[in-house]
């Protein structure tokens, strides 16, 4: 039996994706925050005993990632042992002579866990913390253009947001749907670009976001019956990237 070195905490939520059992639940990992390259470099020095400085490691990793992106863009696949990556084309071609059409076909990069990362699973214990509170939660976002789940944002195209109690309602001015970049700049979704607004599913048109990383936040007074006196903020705990 492998030695337990890590612990992951998770809360239980209503399973909104199946209807066979109205009482079934799904577990969602409780993540404190998302780590960037520099964060990991700093812990590699402070905890892991790395023999170079965090800034030097960060610089080297950024150079490596940039080169990886370049090679992936030329059609190469990458296998680091920890993860694999490769370009992938989605969409149907109706004949052998049909050309790639960006309006019909999608080019994206797919990443999957590698053997070394799968090996780490043996050293992780999972602690179920019980049923989560009644507050709203964003369970998943799907970029309609690329089909990407919890990852890619395609500006000016649709995004499907699923969860619990995520309907955006209320008279307070701060209510709405927002994307925040890594510097804290806010990009609101125009109310006219909210296509569907239901408690478990909201569909929006993504604003014209500049390339970069974003955090999704929804501010609403929806509670299921009586509107809340003050808005509450629902933050999606996974980083999203606009290309």
C-alpha atoms as a PDB file:
ATOM      1  CA  UNK A   1       0.000   0.000   0.000  1.00  0.00           C
ATOM      2  CA  UNK A   2       1.306   3.427  -0.942  1.00  0.00           C
ATOM      3  CA  UNK A   3       2.151   5.940   1.788  1.00  0.00           C
ATOM      4  CA  UNK A   4      -0.423   8.715   2.101  1.00  0.00           C
ATOM      5  CA  UNK A   5       1.361  12.014   1.557  1.00  0.00           C
ATOM      6  CA  UNK A   6      -1.488  14.301   0.511  1.00  0.00           C
ATOM      7  CA  UNK A   7      -5.074  15.035   1.483  1.00  0.00           C
ATOM      8  CA  UNK A   8      -7.813  16.490  -0.680  1.00  0.00           C
ATOM      9  CA  UNK A   9     -11.029  17.830   0.851  1.00  0.00           C
ATOM     10  CA  UNK A  10     -14.320  17.768  -1.036  1.00  0.00           C
ATOM     11  CA  UNK A  11     -17.915  18.816  -0.433  1.00  0.00           C
ATOM     12  CA  UNK A  12     -21.046  17.132  -1.760  1.00  0.00           C
ATOM     13  CA  UNK A  13     -23.484  18.934  -4.070  1.00  0.00           C
ATOM     14  CA  UNK A  14     -26.736  18.021  -5.801  1.00  0.00           C
ATOM     15  CA  UNK A  15     -26.078  16.158  -9.039  1.00  0.00           C
ATOM     16  CA  UNK A  16     -27.622  18.429 -11.655  1.00  0.00           C
ATOM     17  CA  UNK A  17     -26.528  16.304 -14.616  1.00  0.00           C
ATOM     18  CA  UNK A  18     -28.641  13.196 -13.963  1.00  0.00           C
ATOM     19  CA  UNK A  19     -32.340  12.730 -13.262  1.00  0.00           C
ATOM     20  CA  UNK A  20     -32.511   8.983 -12.522  1.00  0.00           C
ATOM     21  CA  UNK A  21     -31.965   9.504  -8.788  1.00  0.00           C
ATOM     22  CA  UNK A  22     -33.177  12.865  -7.447  1.00  0.00           C
ATOM     23  CA  UNK A  23     -31.198  12.342  -4.240  1.00  0.00           C
ATOM     24  CA  UNK A  24     -27.765  11.581  -5.681  1.00  0.00           C
ATOM     25  CA  UNK A  25     -24.810  13.858  -5.037  1.00  0.00           C
ATOM     26  CA  UNK A  26     -21.464  14.647  -6.597  1.00  0.00           C
ATOM     27  CA  UNK A  27     -18.218  15.627  -4.889  1.00  0.00           C
ATOM     28  CA  UNK A  28     -16.327  18.791  -5.793  1.00  0.00           C
ATOM     29  CA  UNK A  29     -12.803  19.381  -4.584  1.00  0.00           C
ATOM     30  CA  UNK A  30     -12.480  22.349  -2.252  1.00  0.00           C
ATOM     31  CA  UNK A  31      -9.590  24.371  -3.669  1.00  0.00           C
ATOM     32  CA  UNK A  32      -8.103  27.235  -1.673  1.00  0.00           C
ATOM     33  CA  UNK A  33      -6.755  29.028  -4.737  1.00  0.00           C
ATOM     34  CA  UNK A  34      -5.183  28.548  -8.146  1.00  0.00           C
ATOM     35  CA  UNK A  35      -1.377  28.440  -8.237  1.00  0.00           C
ATOM     36  CA  UNK A  36       0.651  30.128 -10.970  1.00  0.00           C
ATOM     37  CA  UNK A  37       4.098  29.208 -12.249  1.00  0.00           C
ATOM     38  CA  UNK A  38       5.891  31.506  -9.793  1.00  0.00           C
ATOM     39  CA  UNK A  39       3.861  30.149  -6.853  1.00  0.00           C
ATOM     40  CA  UNK A  40       5.009  26.620  -7.637  1.00  0.00           C
ATOM     41  CA  UNK A  41       8.603  27.750  -8.151  1.00  0.00           C
ATOM     42  CA  UNK A  42       8.559  29.409  -4.732  1.00  0.00           C
ATOM     43  CA  UNK A  43       7.266  26.268  -3.008  1.00  0.00           C
ATOM     44  CA  UNK A  44       9.795  24.164  -4.929  1.00  0.00           C
ATOM     45  CA  UNK A  45      12.500  26.254  -3.252  1.00  0.00           C
ATOM     46  CA  UNK A  46      10.944  26.572   0.215  1.00  0.00           C
ATOM     47  CA  UNK A  47       9.559  23.033   0.505  1.00  0.00           C
ATOM     48  CA  UNK A  48      11.172  20.945  -2.190  1.00  0.00           C
ATOM     49  CA  UNK A  49      14.791  22.042  -1.752  1.00  0.00           C
ATOM     50  CA  UNK A  50      15.301  23.296  -5.315  1.00  0.00           C
ATOM     51  CA  UNK A  51      18.912  24.413  -5.785  1.00  0.00           C
ATOM     52  CA  UNK A  52      18.100  27.512  -7.859  1.00  0.00           C
ATOM     53  CA  UNK A  53      16.155  30.642  -6.967  1.00  0.00           C
ATOM     54  CA  UNK A  54      12.414  30.862  -7.568  1.00  0.00           C
ATOM     55  CA  UNK A  55      12.780  33.729 -10.114  1.00  0.00           C
ATOM     56  CA  UNK A  56      15.421  31.772 -12.056  1.00  0.00           C
ATOM     57  CA  UNK A  57      13.223  28.684 -12.088  1.00  0.00           C
ATOM     58  CA  UNK A  58      10.187  30.752 -13.087  1.00  0.00           C
ATOM     59  CA  UNK A  59      12.130  32.245 -16.005  1.00  0.00           C
ATOM     60  CA  UNK A  60      13.267  28.815 -17.189  1.00  0.00           C
ATOM     61  CA  UNK A  61       9.764  27.340 -16.903  1.00  0.00           C
ATOM     62  CA  UNK A  62       8.225  30.251 -18.819  1.00  0.00           C
ATOM     63  CA  UNK A  63      10.789  29.751 -21.601  1.00  0.00           C
ATOM     64  CA  UNK A  64      10.003  26.029 -21.681  1.00  0.00           C
ATOM     65  CA  UNK A  65       6.237  26.584 -21.786  1.00  0.00           C
ATOM     66  CA  UNK A  66       6.578  29.156 -24.556  1.00  0.00           C
ATOM     67  CA  UNK A  67       8.636  26.713 -26.627  1.00  0.00           C
ATOM     68  CA  UNK A  68       6.156  23.927 -25.915  1.00  0.00           C
ATOM     69  CA  UNK A  69       3.367  26.131 -27.243  1.00  0.00           C
ATOM     70  CA  UNK A  70       5.414  26.857 -30.360  1.00  0.00           C
ATOM     71  CA  UNK A  71       6.060  23.168 -31.063  1.00  0.00           C
ATOM     72  CA  UNK A  72       2.438  22.203 -30.386  1.00  0.00           C
ATOM     73  CA  UNK A  73       1.415  24.873 -32.887  1.00  0.00           C
ATOM     74  CA  UNK A  74       3.555  23.109 -35.502  1.00  0.00           C
ATOM     75  CA  UNK A  75       1.641  19.874 -34.961  1.00  0.00           C
ATOM     76  CA  UNK A  76       3.991  18.072 -32.548  1.00  0.00           C
ATOM     77  CA  UNK A  77       2.651  16.223 -29.515  1.00  0.00           C
ATOM     78  CA  UNK A  78       4.322  16.560 -26.120  1.00  0.00           C
ATOM     79  CA  UNK A  79       4.822  13.933 -23.416  1.00  0.00           C
ATOM     80  CA  UNK A  80       6.459  15.171 -20.219  1.00  0.00           C
ATOM     81  CA  UNK A  81       5.645  12.081 -18.187  1.00  0.00           C
ATOM     82  CA  UNK A  82       3.459  14.304 -15.995  1.00  0.00           C
ATOM     83  CA  UNK A  83       1.082  15.273 -18.799  1.00  0.00           C
ATOM     84  CA  UNK A  84       0.633  14.814 -22.527  1.00  0.00           C
ATOM     85  CA  UNK A  85      -0.493  17.511 -24.934  1.00  0.00           C
ATOM     86  CA  UNK A  86      -1.416  17.508 -28.598  1.00  0.00           C
ATOM     87  CA  UNK A  87      -3.332  19.614 -31.126  1.00  0.00           C
ATOM     88  CA  UNK A  88      -6.797  18.284 -31.898  1.00  0.00           C
ATOM     89  CA  UNK A  89      -9.402  19.098 -34.552  1.00  0.00           C
ATOM     90  CA  UNK A  90     -13.109  18.890 -33.774  1.00  0.00           C
ATOM     91  CA  UNK A  91     -15.897  18.891 -36.307  1.00  0.00           C
ATOM     92  CA  UNK A  92     -17.133  16.773 -39.206  1.00  0.00           C
ATOM     93  CA  UNK A  93     -15.788  16.918 -42.767  1.00  0.00           C
ATOM     94  CA  UNK A  94     -18.484  16.014 -45.282  1.00  0.00           C
ATOM     95  CA  UNK A  95     -16.100  14.954 -48.035  1.00  0.00           C
ATOM     96  CA  UNK A  96     -12.472  14.093 -48.687  1.00  0.00           C
ATOM     97  CA  UNK A  97     -11.949  17.427 -50.422  1.00  0.00           C
ATOM     98  CA  UNK A  98     -13.500  19.669 -47.791  1.00  0.00           C
ATOM     99  CA  UNK A  99     -11.122  22.252 -46.336  1.00  0.00           C
ATOM    100  CA  UNK A 100     -10.789  23.293 -42.708  1.00  0.00           C
ATOM    101  CA  UNK A 101     -13.450  25.903 -41.950  1.00  0.00           C
ATOM    102  CA  UNK A 102     -13.113  27.873 -38.678  1.00  0.00           C
ATOM    103  CA  UNK A 103     -16.875  28.435 -38.676  1.00  0.00           C
ATOM    104  CA  UNK A 104     -17.502  24.680 -38.712  1.00  0.00           C
ATOM    105  CA  UNK A 105     -14.325  23.121 -37.329  1.00  0.00           C
ATOM    106  CA  UNK A 106     -12.359  23.858 -34.171  1.00  0.00           C
ATOM    107  CA  UNK A 107      -8.625  23.534 -33.563  1.00  0.00           C
ATOM    108  CA  UNK A 108      -7.612  23.222 -29.922  1.00  0.00           C
ATOM    109  CA  UNK A 109      -4.970  21.700 -27.653  1.00  0.00           C
ATOM    110  CA  UNK A 110      -5.851  18.756 -25.428  1.00  0.00           C
ATOM    111  CA  UNK A 111      -3.982  17.947 -22.209  1.00  0.00           C
ATOM    112  CA  UNK A 112      -4.181  14.656 -20.318  1.00  0.00           C
ATOM    113  CA  UNK A 113      -2.532  13.351 -17.169  1.00  0.00           C
ATOM    114  CA  UNK A 114       0.601  11.316 -17.718  1.00  0.00           C
ATOM    115  CA  UNK A 115       1.940   8.230 -15.948  1.00  0.00           C
ATOM    116  CA  UNK A 116       3.888  10.182 -13.307  1.00  0.00           C
ATOM    117  CA  UNK A 117       0.848  12.241 -12.331  1.00  0.00           C
ATOM    118  CA  UNK A 118      -1.362   9.130 -12.220  1.00  0.00           C
ATOM    119  CA  UNK A 119       1.188   7.586  -9.861  1.00  0.00           C
ATOM    120  CA  UNK A 120       0.606  10.466  -7.425  1.00  0.00           C
ATOM    121  CA  UNK A 121      -3.031   9.384  -7.041  1.00  0.00           C
ATOM    122  CA  UNK A 122      -1.862   6.439  -4.934  1.00  0.00           C
ATOM    123  CA  UNK A 123      -0.557   8.810  -2.232  1.00  0.00           C
ATOM    124  CA  UNK A 124      -3.696  10.971  -1.907  1.00  0.00           C
ATOM    125  CA  UNK A 125      -6.489  10.496   0.605  1.00  0.00           C
ATOM    126  CA  UNK A 126      -9.888  12.068  -0.025  1.00  0.00           C
ATOM    127  CA  UNK A 127     -11.864  13.521   2.872  1.00  0.00           C
ATOM    128  CA  UNK A 128     -15.565  14.162   2.210  1.00  0.00           C
ATOM    129  CA  UNK A 129     -16.570  17.162   4.328  1.00  0.00           C
ATOM    130  CA  UNK A 130     -20.313  16.595   4.013  1.00  0.00           C
ATOM    131  CA  UNK A 131     -22.995  18.388   2.043  1.00  0.00           C
ATOM    132  CA  UNK A 132     -22.070  21.926   1.038  1.00  0.00           C
ATOM    133  CA  UNK A 133     -24.093  24.873   2.270  1.00  0.00           C
ATOM    134  CA  UNK A 134     -27.130  26.189   0.475  1.00  0.00           C
ATOM    135  CA  UNK A 135     -25.232  29.003  -1.220  1.00  0.00           C
ATOM    136  CA  UNK A 136     -25.013  29.027  -4.992  1.00  0.00           C
ATOM    137  CA  UNK A 137     -22.231  27.191  -6.765  1.00  0.00           C
ATOM    138  CA  UNK A 138     -20.895  27.127 -10.328  1.00  0.00           C
ATOM    139  CA  UNK A 139     -20.284  23.472 -11.146  1.00  0.00           C
ATOM    140  CA  UNK A 140     -19.092  23.691 -14.756  1.00  0.00           C
ATOM    141  CA  UNK A 141     -18.656  26.037 -17.696  1.00  0.00           C
ATOM    142  CA  UNK A 142     -18.633  24.901 -21.329  1.00  0.00           C
ATOM    143  CA  UNK A 143     -17.290  26.980 -24.196  1.00  0.00           C
ATOM    144  CA  UNK A 144     -19.733  26.242 -27.016  1.00  0.00           C
ATOM    145  CA  UNK A 145     -17.324  27.133 -29.825  1.00  0.00           C
ATOM    146  CA  UNK A 146     -14.525  24.764 -28.763  1.00  0.00           C
ATOM    147  CA  UNK A 147     -16.402  22.314 -26.567  1.00  0.00           C
ATOM    148  CA  UNK A 148     -13.831  23.007 -23.846  1.00  0.00           C
ATOM    149  CA  UNK A 149     -15.023  22.314 -20.303  1.00  0.00           C
ATOM    150  CA  UNK A 150     -13.653  24.497 -17.497  1.00  0.00           C
ATOM    151  CA  UNK A 151     -10.822  25.875 -19.588  1.00  0.00           C
ATOM    152  CA  UNK A 152     -11.157  27.927 -22.762  1.00  0.00           C
ATOM    153  CA  UNK A 153     -13.148  31.100 -23.370  1.00  0.00           C
ATOM    154  CA  UNK A 154     -13.966  32.140 -26.937  1.00  0.00           C
ATOM    155  CA  UNK A 155     -14.782  35.877 -26.964  1.00  0.00           C
ATOM    156  CA  UNK A 156     -18.098  36.824 -28.580  1.00  0.00           C
ATOM    157  CA  UNK A 157     -19.308  33.212 -28.531  1.00  0.00           C
ATOM    158  CA  UNK A 158     -21.614  31.376 -26.107  1.00  0.00           C
ATOM    159  CA  UNK A 159     -20.651  30.010 -22.690  1.00  0.00           C
ATOM    160  CA  UNK A 160     -22.892  27.534 -20.845  1.00  0.00           C
ATOM    161  CA  UNK A 161     -22.691  27.908 -17.065  1.00  0.00           C
ATOM    162  CA  UNK A 162     -24.254  25.125 -14.968  1.00  0.00           C
ATOM    163  CA  UNK A 163     -24.604  24.972 -11.220  1.00  0.00           C
ATOM    164  CA  UNK A 164     -27.032  25.556  -8.377  1.00  0.00           C
ATOM    165  CA  UNK A 165     -28.846  28.825  -7.567  1.00  0.00           C
ATOM    166  CA  UNK A 166     -26.904  30.761 -10.204  1.00  0.00           C
ATOM    167  CA  UNK A 167     -29.814  32.670 -11.733  1.00  0.00           C
ATOM    168  CA  UNK A 168     -28.913  36.360 -11.839  1.00  0.00           C
ATOM    169  CA  UNK A 169     -31.791  38.400 -10.413  1.00  0.00           C
ATOM    170  CA  UNK A 170     -32.336  41.401  -8.159  1.00  0.00           C
ATOM    171  CA  UNK A 171     -32.506  45.170  -8.310  1.00  0.00           C
ATOM    172  CA  UNK A 172     -29.086  45.960  -6.870  1.00  0.00           C
ATOM    173  CA  UNK A 173     -26.722  47.638  -9.326  1.00  0.00           C
ATOM    174  CA  UNK A 174     -23.865  45.272  -8.505  1.00  0.00           C
ATOM    175  CA  UNK A 175     -25.747  42.186  -9.752  1.00  0.00           C
ATOM    176  CA  UNK A 176     -24.452  40.609 -12.944  1.00  0.00           C
ATOM    177  CA  UNK A 177     -21.884  38.295 -14.503  1.00  0.00           C
ATOM    178  CA  UNK A 178     -18.256  39.351 -14.647  1.00  0.00           C
ATOM    179  CA  UNK A 179     -14.852  38.167 -15.830  1.00  0.00           C
ATOM    180  CA  UNK A 180     -11.826  39.441 -13.891  1.00  0.00           C
ATOM    181  CA  UNK A 181      -8.364  39.321 -15.414  1.00  0.00           C
ATOM    182  CA  UNK A 182      -5.206  38.637 -13.410  1.00  0.00           C
ATOM    183  CA  UNK A 183      -4.746  42.336 -12.643  1.00  0.00           C
ATOM    184  CA  UNK A 184      -8.285  42.729 -11.303  1.00  0.00           C
ATOM    185  CA  UNK A 185      -9.770  44.508 -14.323  1.00  0.00           C
ATOM    186  CA  UNK A 186     -13.465  43.698 -14.616  1.00  0.00           C
ATOM    187  CA  UNK A 187     -15.233  42.751 -17.864  1.00  0.00           C
ATOM    188  CA  UNK A 188     -19.026  42.651 -17.330  1.00  0.00           C
ATOM    189  CA  UNK A 189     -21.454  40.651 -19.439  1.00  0.00           C
ATOM    190  CA  UNK A 190     -24.038  42.961 -20.976  1.00  0.00           C
ATOM    191  CA  UNK A 191     -27.527  42.010 -19.685  1.00  0.00           C
ATOM    192  CA  UNK A 192     -28.691  41.704 -23.301  1.00  0.00           C
ATOM    193  CA  UNK A 193     -26.039  38.988 -23.789  1.00  0.00           C
ATOM    194  CA  UNK A 194     -27.587  36.716 -21.144  1.00  0.00           C
ATOM    195  CA  UNK A 195     -29.310  34.210 -23.421  1.00  0.00           C
ATOM    196  CA  UNK A 196     -30.671  31.845 -20.753  1.00  0.00           C
ATOM    197  CA  UNK A 197     -31.086  32.684 -17.074  1.00  0.00           C
ATOM    198  CA  UNK A 198     -32.236  29.701 -15.008  1.00  0.00           C
ATOM    199  CA  UNK A 199     -31.345  28.542 -11.470  1.00  0.00           C
ATOM    200  CA  UNK A 200     -29.240  25.619 -12.746  1.00  0.00           C
ATOM    201  CA  UNK A 201     -28.128  26.917 -16.159  1.00  0.00           C
ATOM    202  CA  UNK A 202     -27.125  30.323 -17.451  1.00  0.00           C
ATOM    203  CA  UNK A 203     -26.037  30.857 -21.066  1.00  0.00           C
ATOM    204  CA  UNK A 204     -24.183  34.034 -22.003  1.00  0.00           C
ATOM    205  CA  UNK A 205     -22.295  35.615 -24.851  1.00  0.00           C
ATOM    206  CA  UNK A 206     -18.690  36.003 -23.686  1.00  0.00           C
ATOM    207  CA  UNK A 207     -17.499  39.645 -23.791  1.00  0.00           C
ATOM    208  CA  UNK A 208     -14.652  40.611 -26.195  1.00  0.00           C
ATOM    209  CA  UNK A 209     -11.970  39.603 -23.693  1.00  0.00           C
ATOM    210  CA  UNK A 210      -8.288  40.268 -24.465  1.00  0.00           C
ATOM    211  CA  UNK A 211      -6.094  37.119 -24.416  1.00  0.00           C
ATOM    212  CA  UNK A 212      -5.187  35.998 -20.909  1.00  0.00           C
ATOM    213  CA  UNK A 213      -6.433  34.316 -17.752  1.00  0.00           C
ATOM    214  CA  UNK A 214      -9.775  35.116 -16.108  1.00  0.00           C
ATOM    215  CA  UNK A 215     -11.929  34.383 -13.076  1.00  0.00           C
ATOM    216  CA  UNK A 216     -15.705  34.091 -13.488  1.00  0.00           C
ATOM    217  CA  UNK A 217     -17.929  35.743 -10.863  1.00  0.00           C
ATOM    218  CA  UNK A 218     -21.704  35.912 -10.673  1.00  0.00           C
ATOM    219  CA  UNK A 219     -23.454  38.391  -8.367  1.00  0.00           C
ATOM    220  CA  UNK A 220     -27.142  37.771  -7.644  1.00  0.00           C
ATOM    221  CA  UNK A 221     -29.923  38.108  -5.104  1.00  0.00           C
ATOM    222  CA  UNK A 222     -31.511  34.819  -6.171  1.00  0.00           C
ATOM    223  CA  UNK A 223     -32.169  32.357  -3.336  1.00  0.00           C
ATOM    224  CA  UNK A 224     -34.887  30.103  -4.715  1.00  0.00           C
ATOM    225  CA  UNK A 225     -37.917  31.741  -3.122  1.00  0.00           C
ATOM    226  CA  UNK A 226     -37.566  35.061  -1.306  1.00  0.00           C
ATOM    227  CA  UNK A 227     -34.887  37.302  -2.887  1.00  0.00           C
ATOM    228  CA  UNK A 228     -31.865  38.043  -0.730  1.00  0.00           C
ATOM    229  CA  UNK A 229     -31.688  41.515   0.781  1.00  0.00           C
ATOM    230  CA  UNK A 230     -28.070  41.830  -0.295  1.00  0.00           C
ATOM    231  CA  UNK A 231     -26.338  40.251  -3.330  1.00  0.00           C
ATOM    232  CA  UNK A 232     -24.060  37.276  -2.904  1.00  0.00           C
ATOM    233  CA  UNK A 233     -21.056  36.535  -5.084  1.00  0.00           C
ATOM    234  CA  UNK A 234     -20.457  33.107  -6.607  1.00  0.00           C
ATOM    235  CA  UNK A 235     -16.872  32.578  -7.773  1.00  0.00           C
ATOM    236  CA  UNK A 236     -15.896  29.747 -10.112  1.00  0.00           C
ATOM    237  CA  UNK A 237     -12.821  28.129  -8.607  1.00  0.00           C
ATOM    238  CA  UNK A 238     -11.152  27.094 -11.860  1.00  0.00           C
ATOM    239  CA  UNK A 239      -9.040  29.482 -13.974  1.00  0.00           C
ATOM    240  CA  UNK A 240     -10.292  30.229 -17.482  1.00  0.00           C
ATOM    241  CA  UNK A 241      -8.270  31.363 -20.480  1.00  0.00           C
ATOM    242  CA  UNK A 242      -9.286  33.546 -23.411  1.00  0.00           C
ATOM    243  CA  UNK A 243      -7.270  32.953 -26.562  1.00  0.00           C
END
